Amino acid sequence: ASYDYKMLDGLNKNLSLEGYLAPDTFRFFVDVTPKEIVQKLLSQRQNQITDEMHKEIKSQGKSLHQIMTMASVIEREVRDTDDRKKVSDLFWRRIEAGWGLQADSTVHYLTAKTGDVFTTSKDRDTDSPWNTYKYRGLPPGPISMPSLDSIMAAIYPTPNDEWYFLTTFKGVVKYGKTLDEHNANVQKYLR
């Protein structure tokens, strides 16, 4: 089915609508068609992206697709609003510096792994543009349906000087400015 939404302009037609459908609870009549459901989810998402947000994205030299892709990674990586904003800045700086995002969530997406926040070295060796350990920059498209909170974090990150982070078994995010600090966090919180 073809969908005519401004936010889909320029979107690679080979990619799915993942990330562009708003995650929410909706009521539908029993005789609703799949196309009507998709249209409702797309309309809801398009309404969430304000003109001010579009202007800010453009002023940053980014596309909505880049923002939605980053937001989808943020959504899968951290849960707290403040952490989402910090990790957003960290990820955008990694891209600017030519680093890989090294986001386990992108590897989970391509391997269809669920239930574990960690990846194995075999998982990270998978050759795919979705593997942000192997390939620099953003994956080709969103890996989840990001919340508005994650979209806002992708557009309006909180500047910081952290380069690494991990999430403890209790869900607490620990940051490191250097690889040594990060490795110390790994030993302290994940071993």
N, C-alpha and C. Protein backbone atom coordinates (compact mmCIF):
# COMPACT_ATOMS: atom_id res chain seq x y z
N ALA A 1 0.84 -1.18 0.00
CA ALA A 1 0.00 0.00 0.00
C ALA A 1 0.88 1.24 0.00
N SER A 2 0.43 2.28 -0.63
CA SER A 2 1.16 3.54 -0.69
C SER A 2 0.57 4.51 0.34
N TYR A 3 1.45 5.24 1.02
CA TYR A 3 1.01 6.18 2.03
C TYR A 3 1.59 7.55 1.71
N ASP A 4 0.76 8.58 1.75
CA ASP A 4 1.17 9.93 1.41
C ASP A 4 1.28 10.76 2.68
N TYR A 5 2.46 10.75 3.29
CA TYR A 5 2.73 11.51 4.50
C TYR A 5 4.02 12.28 4.31
N LYS A 6 4.02 13.55 4.68
CA LYS A 6 5.19 14.40 4.52
C LYS A 6 6.43 13.79 5.17
N MET A 7 6.25 13.19 6.34
CA MET A 7 7.39 12.65 7.05
C MET A 7 8.03 11.46 6.32
N LEU A 8 7.33 10.88 5.36
CA LEU A 8 7.87 9.75 4.61
C LEU A 8 8.55 10.19 3.31
N ASP A 9 8.52 11.50 3.02
CA ASP A 9 9.18 12.01 1.82
C ASP A 9 10.67 11.66 1.86
N GLY A 10 11.15 11.09 0.77
CA GLY A 10 12.56 10.75 0.68
C GLY A 10 12.93 9.45 1.36
N LEU A 11 11.99 8.80 2.01
CA LEU A 11 12.27 7.53 2.68
C LEU A 11 12.50 6.45 1.64
N ASN A 12 13.55 5.68 1.81
CA ASN A 12 13.85 4.57 0.91
C ASN A 12 12.67 3.62 0.91
N LYS A 13 12.10 3.40 -0.25
CA LYS A 13 10.89 2.56 -0.36
C LYS A 13 11.15 1.10 -0.01
N ASN A 14 12.43 0.69 0.06
CA ASN A 14 12.76 -0.68 0.43
C ASN A 14 12.75 -0.90 1.94
N LEU A 15 12.71 0.19 2.71
CA LEU A 15 12.67 0.07 4.17
C LEU A 15 11.23 -0.06 4.64
N SER A 16 11.07 -0.67 5.77
CA SER A 16 9.73 -0.80 6.35
C SER A 16 9.32 0.52 7.00
N LEU A 17 8.11 0.56 7.50
CA LEU A 17 7.62 1.74 8.21
C LEU A 17 8.00 1.70 9.69
N GLU A 18 8.81 0.74 10.06
CA GLU A 18 9.22 0.64 11.47
C GLU A 18 9.83 1.97 11.90
N GLY A 19 9.44 2.41 13.08
CA GLY A 19 9.91 3.69 13.61
C GLY A 19 8.98 4.84 13.29
N TYR A 20 8.22 4.71 12.22
CA TYR A 20 7.32 5.78 11.80
C TYR A 20 5.89 5.56 12.28
N LEU A 21 5.63 4.42 12.89
CA LEU A 21 4.31 4.14 13.45
C LEU A 21 4.35 4.49 14.93
N ALA A 22 3.41 5.27 15.40
CA ALA A 22 3.42 5.72 16.79
C ALA A 22 3.00 4.59 17.72
N PRO A 23 3.82 4.29 18.73
CA PRO A 23 3.41 3.28 19.71
C PRO A 23 2.44 3.90 20.71
N ASP A 24 1.25 3.40 20.76
CA ASP A 24 0.23 3.94 21.65
C ASP A 24 -0.92 2.95 21.69
N THR A 25 -1.93 3.26 22.45
CA THR A 25 -3.14 2.45 22.50
C THR A 25 -4.22 3.15 21.70
N PHE A 26 -4.81 2.43 20.77
CA PHE A 26 -5.84 2.99 19.91
C PHE A 26 -7.07 2.09 19.94
N ARG A 27 -8.22 2.68 19.69
CA ARG A 27 -9.47 1.92 19.55
C ARG A 27 -9.87 1.92 18.09
N PHE A 28 -10.27 0.75 17.61
CA PHE A 28 -10.70 0.61 16.23
C PHE A 28 -12.00 -0.18 16.19
N PHE A 29 -12.80 0.05 15.17
CA PHE A 29 -13.99 -0.75 14.95
C PHE A 29 -13.56 -2.13 14.45
N VAL A 30 -14.41 -3.10 14.64
CA VAL A 30 -14.10 -4.48 14.27
C VAL A 30 -13.77 -4.63 12.79
N ASP A 31 -14.41 -3.85 11.94
CA ASP A 31 -14.22 -4.01 10.50
C ASP A 31 -13.08 -3.15 9.94
N VAL A 32 -12.20 -2.65 10.79
CA VAL A 32 -11.10 -1.82 10.34
C VAL A 32 -10.17 -2.63 9.42
N THR A 33 -9.61 -1.95 8.43
CA THR A 33 -8.67 -2.62 7.52
C THR A 33 -7.24 -2.40 8.01
N PRO A 34 -6.32 -3.27 7.62
CA PRO A 34 -4.92 -3.05 7.99
C PRO A 34 -4.40 -1.68 7.53
N LYS A 35 -4.80 -1.26 6.33
CA LYS A 35 -4.36 0.05 5.83
C LYS A 35 -4.86 1.18 6.74
N GLU A 36 -6.10 1.08 7.21
CA GLU A 36 -6.64 2.11 8.11
C GLU A 36 -5.87 2.15 9.43
N ILE A 37 -5.48 0.99 9.91
CA ILE A 37 -4.69 0.94 11.15
C ILE A 37 -3.34 1.63 10.94
N VAL A 38 -2.67 1.28 9.86
CA VAL A 38 -1.37 1.88 9.56
C VAL A 38 -1.52 3.39 9.38
N GLN A 39 -2.57 3.82 8.69
CA GLN A 39 -2.79 5.26 8.50
C GLN A 39 -2.97 5.98 9.83
N LYS A 40 -3.70 5.38 10.75
CA LYS A 40 -3.91 5.98 12.07
C LYS A 40 -2.57 6.11 12.81
N LEU A 41 -1.76 5.06 12.77
CA LEU A 41 -0.46 5.09 13.45
C LEU A 41 0.50 6.09 12.81
N LEU A 42 0.47 6.18 11.49
CA LEU A 42 1.30 7.17 10.79
C LEU A 42 0.83 8.60 11.09
N SER A 43 -0.48 8.80 11.08
CA SER A 43 -1.03 10.14 11.37
C SER A 43 -0.66 10.58 12.79
N GLN A 44 -0.77 9.66 13.72
CA GLN A 44 -0.42 9.98 15.11
C GLN A 44 1.05 10.39 15.20
N ARG A 45 1.93 9.64 14.52
CA ARG A 45 3.36 9.96 14.54
C ARG A 45 3.62 11.31 13.87
N GLN A 46 2.99 11.52 12.72
CA GLN A 46 3.20 12.78 12.01
C GLN A 46 2.75 13.97 12.86
N ASN A 47 1.66 13.80 13.62
CA ASN A 47 1.17 14.88 14.49
C ASN A 47 2.13 15.16 15.64
N GLN A 48 2.92 14.16 16.03
CA GLN A 48 3.88 14.35 17.13
C GLN A 48 5.07 15.22 16.71
N ILE A 49 5.39 15.20 15.43
CA ILE A 49 6.55 15.93 14.94
C ILE A 49 6.10 17.34 14.52
N THR A 50 6.35 18.30 15.38
CA THR A 50 5.87 19.66 15.16
C THR A 50 6.73 20.41 14.13
N ASP A 51 6.21 21.53 13.65
CA ASP A 51 6.98 22.37 12.73
C ASP A 51 8.27 22.84 13.40
N GLU A 52 8.20 23.17 14.68
CA GLU A 52 9.40 23.59 15.41
C GLU A 52 10.45 22.49 15.42
N MET A 53 10.01 21.25 15.61
CA MET A 53 10.94 20.12 15.59
C MET A 53 11.55 19.94 14.21
N HIS A 54 10.74 20.06 13.16
CA HIS A 54 11.25 19.97 11.78
C HIS A 54 12.31 21.05 11.54
N LYS A 55 12.05 22.27 12.00
CA LYS A 55 13.00 23.37 11.81
C LYS A 55 14.31 23.09 12.55
N GLU A 56 14.20 22.57 13.76
CA GLU A 56 15.41 22.26 14.53
C GLU A 56 16.23 21.16 13.84
N ILE A 57 15.56 20.13 13.37
CA ILE A 57 16.24 19.04 12.67
C ILE A 57 16.98 19.60 11.45
N LYS A 58 16.30 20.43 10.68
CA LYS A 58 16.90 21.02 9.48
C LYS A 58 18.08 21.91 9.85
N SER A 59 17.95 22.69 10.93
CA SER A 59 19.03 23.59 11.34
C SER A 59 20.27 22.81 11.76
N GLN A 60 20.08 21.57 12.19
CA GLN A 60 21.21 20.71 12.58
C GLN A 60 21.83 20.01 11.38
N GLY A 61 21.21 20.17 10.20
CA GLY A 61 21.71 19.50 9.01
C GLY A 61 21.40 18.01 8.99
N LYS A 62 20.37 17.63 9.71
CA LYS A 62 19.98 16.22 9.77
C LYS A 62 18.64 16.04 9.06
N SER A 63 18.32 14.78 8.79
CA SER A 63 17.03 14.45 8.20
C SER A 63 16.14 13.84 9.27
N LEU A 64 14.84 13.85 9.02
CA LEU A 64 13.92 13.19 9.94
C LEU A 64 14.25 11.71 10.04
N HIS A 65 14.66 11.11 8.94
CA HIS A 65 15.01 9.69 8.96
C HIS A 65 16.18 9.43 9.91
N GLN A 66 17.18 10.30 9.89
CA GLN A 66 18.31 10.15 10.82
C GLN A 66 17.82 10.27 12.27
N ILE A 67 16.96 11.24 12.52
CA ILE A 67 16.43 11.44 13.87
C ILE A 67 15.63 10.22 14.32
N MET A 68 14.76 9.71 13.45
CA MET A 68 13.94 8.55 13.82
C MET A 68 14.80 7.32 14.04
N THR A 69 15.85 7.17 13.24
CA THR A 69 16.75 6.03 13.41
C THR A 69 17.50 6.15 14.74
N MET A 70 18.05 7.34 15.01
CA MET A 70 18.75 7.54 16.28
C MET A 70 17.79 7.34 17.45
N ALA A 71 16.59 7.89 17.36
CA ALA A 71 15.61 7.75 18.45
C ALA A 71 15.30 6.27 18.71
N SER A 72 15.24 5.48 17.65
CA SER A 72 14.92 4.06 17.82
C SER A 72 16.04 3.32 18.54
N VAL A 73 17.27 3.72 18.31
CA VAL A 73 18.41 3.11 19.01
C VAL A 73 18.39 3.55 20.47
N ILE A 74 18.20 4.84 20.70
CA ILE A 74 18.11 5.37 22.06
C ILE A 74 17.02 4.65 22.84
N GLU A 75 15.87 4.44 22.19
CA GLU A 75 14.73 3.77 22.82
C GLU A 75 15.13 2.39 23.36
N ARG A 76 15.94 1.67 22.61
CA ARG A 76 16.33 0.32 22.99
C ARG A 76 17.52 0.29 23.94
N GLU A 77 18.25 1.39 24.04
CA GLU A 77 19.47 1.39 24.85
C GLU A 77 19.26 1.84 26.29
N VAL A 78 18.45 2.88 26.51
CA VAL A 78 18.26 3.43 27.86
C VAL A 78 16.81 3.83 28.06
N ARG A 79 16.37 3.90 29.32
CA ARG A 79 14.95 4.13 29.61
C ARG A 79 14.64 5.50 30.20
N ASP A 80 15.53 6.07 30.96
CA ASP A 80 15.28 7.34 31.65
C ASP A 80 15.47 8.52 30.70
N THR A 81 14.62 9.54 30.83
CA THR A 81 14.69 10.71 29.96
C THR A 81 16.06 11.37 29.99
N ASP A 82 16.61 11.58 31.19
CA ASP A 82 17.92 12.23 31.28
C ASP A 82 19.01 11.39 30.62
N ASP A 83 18.95 10.07 30.83
CA ASP A 83 19.92 9.19 30.18
C ASP A 83 19.75 9.20 28.66
N ARG A 84 18.52 9.23 28.20
CA ARG A 84 18.28 9.28 26.76
C ARG A 84 18.92 10.52 26.14
N LYS A 85 18.79 11.66 26.80
CA LYS A 85 19.36 12.90 26.29
C LYS A 85 20.88 12.86 26.30
N LYS A 86 21.47 12.28 27.36
CA LYS A 86 22.93 12.17 27.43
C LYS A 86 23.47 11.19 26.40
N VAL A 87 22.82 10.04 26.28
CA VAL A 87 23.26 9.04 25.32
C VAL A 87 23.09 9.56 23.89
N SER A 88 22.06 10.34 23.64
CA SER A 88 21.88 10.96 22.34
C SER A 88 23.10 11.80 21.98
N ASP A 89 23.53 12.66 22.89
CA ASP A 89 24.70 13.49 22.62
C ASP A 89 25.94 12.62 22.40
N LEU A 90 26.10 11.62 23.24
CA LEU A 90 27.24 10.69 23.13
C LEU A 90 27.24 10.03 21.75
N PHE A 91 26.08 9.51 21.32
CA PHE A 91 26.00 8.85 20.02
C PHE A 91 26.24 9.82 18.86
N TRP A 92 25.64 11.01 18.89
CA TRP A 92 25.87 11.97 17.80
C TRP A 92 27.35 12.36 17.72
N ARG A 93 28.01 12.51 18.88
CA ARG A 93 29.43 12.84 18.87
C ARG A 93 30.26 11.69 18.31
N ARG A 94 29.88 10.45 18.64
CA ARG A 94 30.58 9.31 18.07
C ARG A 94 30.49 9.32 16.54
N ILE A 95 29.31 9.63 16.02
CA ILE A 95 29.15 9.68 14.56
C ILE A 95 30.04 10.79 13.98
N GLU A 96 30.01 11.97 14.60
CA GLU A 96 30.82 13.10 14.12
C GLU A 96 32.30 12.77 14.14
N ALA A 97 32.72 11.97 15.13
CA ALA A 97 34.13 11.60 15.27
C ALA A 97 34.53 10.41 14.39
N GLY A 98 33.54 9.84 13.68
CA GLY A 98 33.83 8.70 12.82
C GLY A 98 33.91 7.37 13.55
N TRP A 99 33.38 7.33 14.75
CA TRP A 99 33.36 6.10 15.52
C TRP A 99 32.13 5.27 15.14
N GLY A 100 32.14 4.01 15.51
CA GLY A 100 30.94 3.19 15.43
C GLY A 100 30.08 3.48 16.66
N LEU A 101 28.78 3.38 16.51
CA LEU A 101 27.90 3.55 17.67
C LEU A 101 28.13 2.45 18.69
N GLN A 102 28.44 1.25 18.20
CA GLN A 102 28.63 0.07 19.05
C GLN A 102 27.45 -0.12 19.99
N ALA A 103 26.27 -0.10 19.41
CA ALA A 103 25.03 -0.27 20.17
C ALA A 103 24.57 -1.73 20.07
N ASP A 104 24.54 -2.41 21.21
CA ASP A 104 24.10 -3.80 21.23
C ASP A 104 22.70 -3.96 20.65
N SER A 105 21.86 -2.94 20.83
CA SER A 105 20.48 -3.02 20.35
C SER A 105 20.41 -3.22 18.84
N THR A 106 21.34 -2.64 18.09
CA THR A 106 21.33 -2.81 16.64
C THR A 106 21.72 -4.23 16.26
N VAL A 107 22.61 -4.82 17.04
CA VAL A 107 23.02 -6.21 16.79
C VAL A 107 21.86 -7.15 17.14
N HIS A 108 21.16 -6.85 18.24
CA HIS A 108 19.98 -7.65 18.59
C HIS A 108 18.95 -7.59 17.47
N TYR A 109 18.78 -6.43 16.88
CA TYR A 109 17.81 -6.27 15.80
C TYR A 109 18.14 -7.18 14.62
N LEU A 110 19.40 -7.21 14.23
CA LEU A 110 19.75 -8.00 13.05
C LEU A 110 19.82 -9.49 13.34
N THR A 111 20.10 -9.87 14.59
CA THR A 111 20.17 -11.29 14.92
C THR A 111 18.84 -11.81 15.48
N ALA A 112 17.88 -10.90 15.67
CA ALA A 112 16.56 -11.23 16.25
C ALA A 112 16.71 -11.82 17.65
N LYS A 113 17.74 -11.36 18.37
CA LYS A 113 17.99 -11.82 19.73
C LYS A 113 17.10 -11.02 20.69
N THR A 114 16.49 -11.72 21.63
CA THR A 114 15.64 -11.05 22.62
C THR A 114 15.99 -11.54 24.02
N GLY A 115 15.55 -10.78 25.01
CA GLY A 115 15.66 -11.22 26.39
C GLY A 115 16.99 -10.97 27.06
N ASP A 116 18.01 -10.49 26.35
CA ASP A 116 19.32 -10.26 26.95
C ASP A 116 19.84 -8.94 26.42
N VAL A 117 20.41 -8.13 27.28
CA VAL A 117 20.91 -6.83 26.83
C VAL A 117 22.31 -6.93 26.25
N PHE A 118 22.95 -8.08 26.37
CA PHE A 118 24.33 -8.23 25.93
C PHE A 118 24.41 -8.96 24.60
N THR A 119 25.52 -8.76 23.91
CA THR A 119 25.78 -9.48 22.67
C THR A 119 27.07 -10.27 22.83
N THR A 120 27.20 -11.31 22.04
CA THR A 120 28.42 -12.11 22.05
C THR A 120 29.34 -11.61 20.94
N SER A 121 30.58 -12.03 20.98
CA SER A 121 31.51 -11.64 19.90
C SER A 121 31.02 -12.21 18.57
N LYS A 122 30.40 -13.40 18.59
CA LYS A 122 29.84 -13.97 17.36
C LYS A 122 28.73 -13.06 16.82
N ASP A 123 27.84 -12.59 17.73
CA ASP A 123 26.78 -11.66 17.32
C ASP A 123 27.39 -10.42 16.66
N ARG A 124 28.42 -9.87 17.30
CA ARG A 124 29.03 -8.62 16.81
C ARG A 124 29.84 -8.81 15.53
N ASP A 125 30.14 -10.05 15.17
CA ASP A 125 30.86 -10.34 13.93
C ASP A 125 29.92 -10.46 12.73
N THR A 126 28.61 -10.45 12.97
CA THR A 126 27.64 -10.56 11.89
C THR A 126 27.82 -9.42 10.89
N ASP A 127 27.95 -9.77 9.62
CA ASP A 127 28.18 -8.75 8.60
C ASP A 127 26.85 -8.21 8.09
N SER A 128 26.51 -7.02 8.54
CA SER A 128 25.26 -6.37 8.16
C SER A 128 25.40 -4.87 8.41
N PRO A 129 24.80 -4.05 7.54
CA PRO A 129 24.85 -2.60 7.79
C PRO A 129 24.11 -2.20 9.08
N TRP A 130 23.32 -3.12 9.64
CA TRP A 130 22.64 -2.85 10.90
C TRP A 130 23.59 -3.04 12.08
N ASN A 131 24.75 -3.65 11.85
CA ASN A 131 25.71 -3.92 12.92
C ASN A 131 26.58 -2.69 13.14
N THR A 132 26.28 -1.95 14.19
CA THR A 132 27.01 -0.71 14.47
C THR A 132 28.34 -0.96 15.18
N TYR A 133 28.70 -2.22 15.37
CA TYR A 133 30.06 -2.55 15.78
C TYR A 133 30.96 -2.64 14.54
N LYS A 134 30.41 -3.13 13.44
CA LYS A 134 31.18 -3.28 12.20
C LYS A 134 31.13 -2.04 11.31
N TYR A 135 30.01 -1.35 11.32
CA TYR A 135 29.82 -0.21 10.41
C TYR A 135 29.60 1.07 11.20
N ARG A 136 30.25 2.12 10.72
CA ARG A 136 30.13 3.43 11.38
C ARG A 136 28.83 4.11 10.98
N GLY A 137 28.44 5.06 11.79
CA GLY A 137 27.23 5.82 11.50
C GLY A 137 25.98 5.10 11.96
N LEU A 138 24.86 5.61 11.51
CA LEU A 138 23.57 5.04 11.87
C LEU A 138 23.28 3.79 11.05
N PRO A 139 22.46 2.88 11.59
CA PRO A 139 22.00 1.78 10.75
C PRO A 139 21.09 2.33 9.65
N PRO A 140 20.71 1.50 8.66
CA PRO A 140 19.91 1.99 7.53
C PRO A 140 18.56 2.59 7.90
N GLY A 141 17.99 2.17 9.03
CA GLY A 141 16.69 2.68 9.43
C GLY A 141 16.40 2.35 10.88
N PRO A 142 15.25 2.77 11.37
CA PRO A 142 14.88 2.50 12.76
C PRO A 142 14.86 1.02 13.11
N ILE A 143 15.21 0.73 14.36
CA ILE A 143 15.22 -0.65 14.86
C ILE A 143 14.09 -0.91 15.85
N SER A 144 13.30 0.11 16.12
CA SER A 144 12.18 -0.02 17.06
C SER A 144 11.19 1.12 16.79
N MET A 145 10.10 1.10 17.53
CA MET A 145 9.13 2.18 17.46
C MET A 145 9.45 3.15 18.59
N PRO A 146 10.20 4.21 18.33
CA PRO A 146 10.62 5.09 19.42
C PRO A 146 9.47 5.89 20.02
N SER A 147 9.58 6.10 21.32
CA SER A 147 8.62 6.96 22.01
C SER A 147 8.91 8.41 21.64
N LEU A 148 7.96 9.28 21.91
CA LEU A 148 8.18 10.70 21.69
C LEU A 148 9.35 11.19 22.55
N ASP A 149 9.51 10.62 23.73
CA ASP A 149 10.63 10.97 24.62
C ASP A 149 11.97 10.70 23.93
N SER A 150 12.11 9.57 23.28
CA SER A 150 13.36 9.25 22.58
C SER A 150 13.56 10.14 21.36
N ILE A 151 12.48 10.47 20.67
CA ILE A 151 12.58 11.38 19.52
C ILE A 151 13.06 12.75 19.99
N MET A 152 12.47 13.24 21.09
CA MET A 152 12.90 14.53 21.64
C MET A 152 14.37 14.48 22.06
N ALA A 153 14.81 13.37 22.64
CA ALA A 153 16.21 13.23 23.03
C ALA A 153 17.12 13.26 21.80
N ALA A 154 16.70 12.62 20.71
CA ALA A 154 17.50 12.61 19.49
C ALA A 154 17.63 14.01 18.90
N ILE A 155 16.58 14.81 19.03
CA ILE A 155 16.61 16.18 18.49
C ILE A 155 17.30 17.15 19.45
N TYR A 156 17.04 16.98 20.74
CA TYR A 156 17.53 17.92 21.75
C TYR A 156 18.39 17.19 22.78
N PRO A 157 19.60 16.75 22.39
CA PRO A 157 20.46 16.03 23.34
C PRO A 157 21.02 16.95 24.43
N THR A 158 21.41 16.35 25.53
CA THR A 158 22.06 17.09 26.60
C THR A 158 23.58 17.00 26.41
N PRO A 159 24.23 18.14 26.13
CA PRO A 159 25.69 18.10 25.93
C PRO A 159 26.40 17.56 27.17
N ASN A 160 27.38 16.70 26.92
CA ASN A 160 28.19 16.14 27.99
C ASN A 160 29.52 15.69 27.39
N ASP A 161 30.44 15.23 28.23
CA ASP A 161 31.74 14.81 27.70
C ASP A 161 32.01 13.32 27.92
N GLU A 162 30.95 12.55 28.05
CA GLU A 162 31.08 11.10 28.17
C GLU A 162 31.19 10.48 26.78
N TRP A 163 31.95 9.40 26.66
CA TRP A 163 32.10 8.70 25.39
C TRP A 163 31.63 7.25 25.46
N TYR A 164 31.41 6.76 26.68
CA TYR A 164 31.03 5.36 26.88
C TYR A 164 29.92 5.27 27.92
N PHE A 165 29.12 4.22 27.82
CA PHE A 165 28.12 3.96 28.85
C PHE A 165 27.80 2.47 28.86
N LEU A 166 27.27 2.04 29.97
CA LEU A 166 26.74 0.69 30.10
C LEU A 166 25.55 0.75 31.03
N THR A 167 24.73 -0.26 30.96
CA THR A 167 23.57 -0.37 31.85
C THR A 167 23.81 -1.55 32.77
N THR A 168 23.74 -1.31 34.07
CA THR A 168 23.97 -2.38 35.04
C THR A 168 22.80 -3.37 35.01
N PHE A 169 22.99 -4.48 35.71
CA PHE A 169 21.93 -5.48 35.79
C PHE A 169 20.67 -4.92 36.44
N LYS A 170 20.82 -3.86 37.24
CA LYS A 170 19.67 -3.22 37.89
C LYS A 170 19.09 -2.10 37.04
N GLY A 171 19.63 -1.90 35.85
CA GLY A 171 19.08 -0.88 34.95
C GLY A 171 19.64 0.51 35.15
N VAL A 172 20.70 0.65 35.93
CA VAL A 172 21.33 1.95 36.16
C VAL A 172 22.39 2.18 35.08
N VAL A 173 22.40 3.37 34.50
CA VAL A 173 23.37 3.69 33.45
C VAL A 173 24.61 4.29 34.09
N LYS A 174 25.78 3.73 33.72
CA LYS A 174 27.07 4.21 34.20
C LYS A 174 27.86 4.73 33.01
N TYR A 175 28.46 5.91 33.17
CA TYR A 175 29.17 6.56 32.08
C TYR A 175 30.67 6.55 32.31
N GLY A 176 31.41 6.69 31.21
CA GLY A 176 32.86 6.82 31.28
C GLY A 176 33.34 7.79 30.22
N LYS A 177 34.29 8.62 30.60
CA LYS A 177 34.87 9.58 29.65
C LYS A 177 35.95 8.93 28.80
N THR A 178 36.58 7.89 29.35
CA THR A 178 37.66 7.20 28.65
C THR A 178 37.36 5.70 28.59
N LEU A 179 38.07 5.01 27.71
CA LEU A 179 37.91 3.56 27.62
C LEU A 179 38.34 2.90 28.92
N ASP A 180 39.35 3.43 29.58
CA ASP A 180 39.78 2.87 30.87
C ASP A 180 38.66 2.99 31.90
N GLU A 181 37.99 4.15 31.95
CA GLU A 181 36.87 4.31 32.88
C GLU A 181 35.75 3.33 32.54
N HIS A 182 35.48 3.17 31.25
CA HIS A 182 34.43 2.25 30.82
C HIS A 182 34.79 0.81 31.21
N ASN A 183 36.03 0.42 30.96
CA ASN A 183 36.44 -0.94 31.31
C ASN A 183 36.37 -1.17 32.82
N ALA A 184 36.68 -0.15 33.61
CA ALA A 184 36.54 -0.26 35.07
C ALA A 184 35.07 -0.44 35.44
N ASN A 185 34.18 0.28 34.77
CA ASN A 185 32.74 0.11 35.01
C ASN A 185 32.28 -1.29 34.64
N VAL A 186 32.80 -1.82 33.53
CA VAL A 186 32.44 -3.19 33.12
C VAL A 186 32.86 -4.16 34.22
N GLN A 187 34.09 -4.03 34.72
CA GLN A 187 34.57 -4.93 35.77
C GLN A 187 33.77 -4.78 37.06
N LYS A 188 33.41 -3.57 37.39
CA LYS A 188 32.70 -3.32 38.65
C LYS A 188 31.23 -3.72 38.60
N TYR A 189 30.56 -3.46 37.47
CA TYR A 189 29.11 -3.63 37.43
C TYR A 189 28.60 -4.84 36.62
N LEU A 190 29.45 -5.40 35.76
CA LEU A 190 28.96 -6.48 34.89
C LEU A 190 29.71 -7.79 35.07
N ARG A 191 30.66 -7.87 35.96
CA ARG A 191 31.39 -9.13 36.17
C ARG A 191 31.02 -9.77 37.47
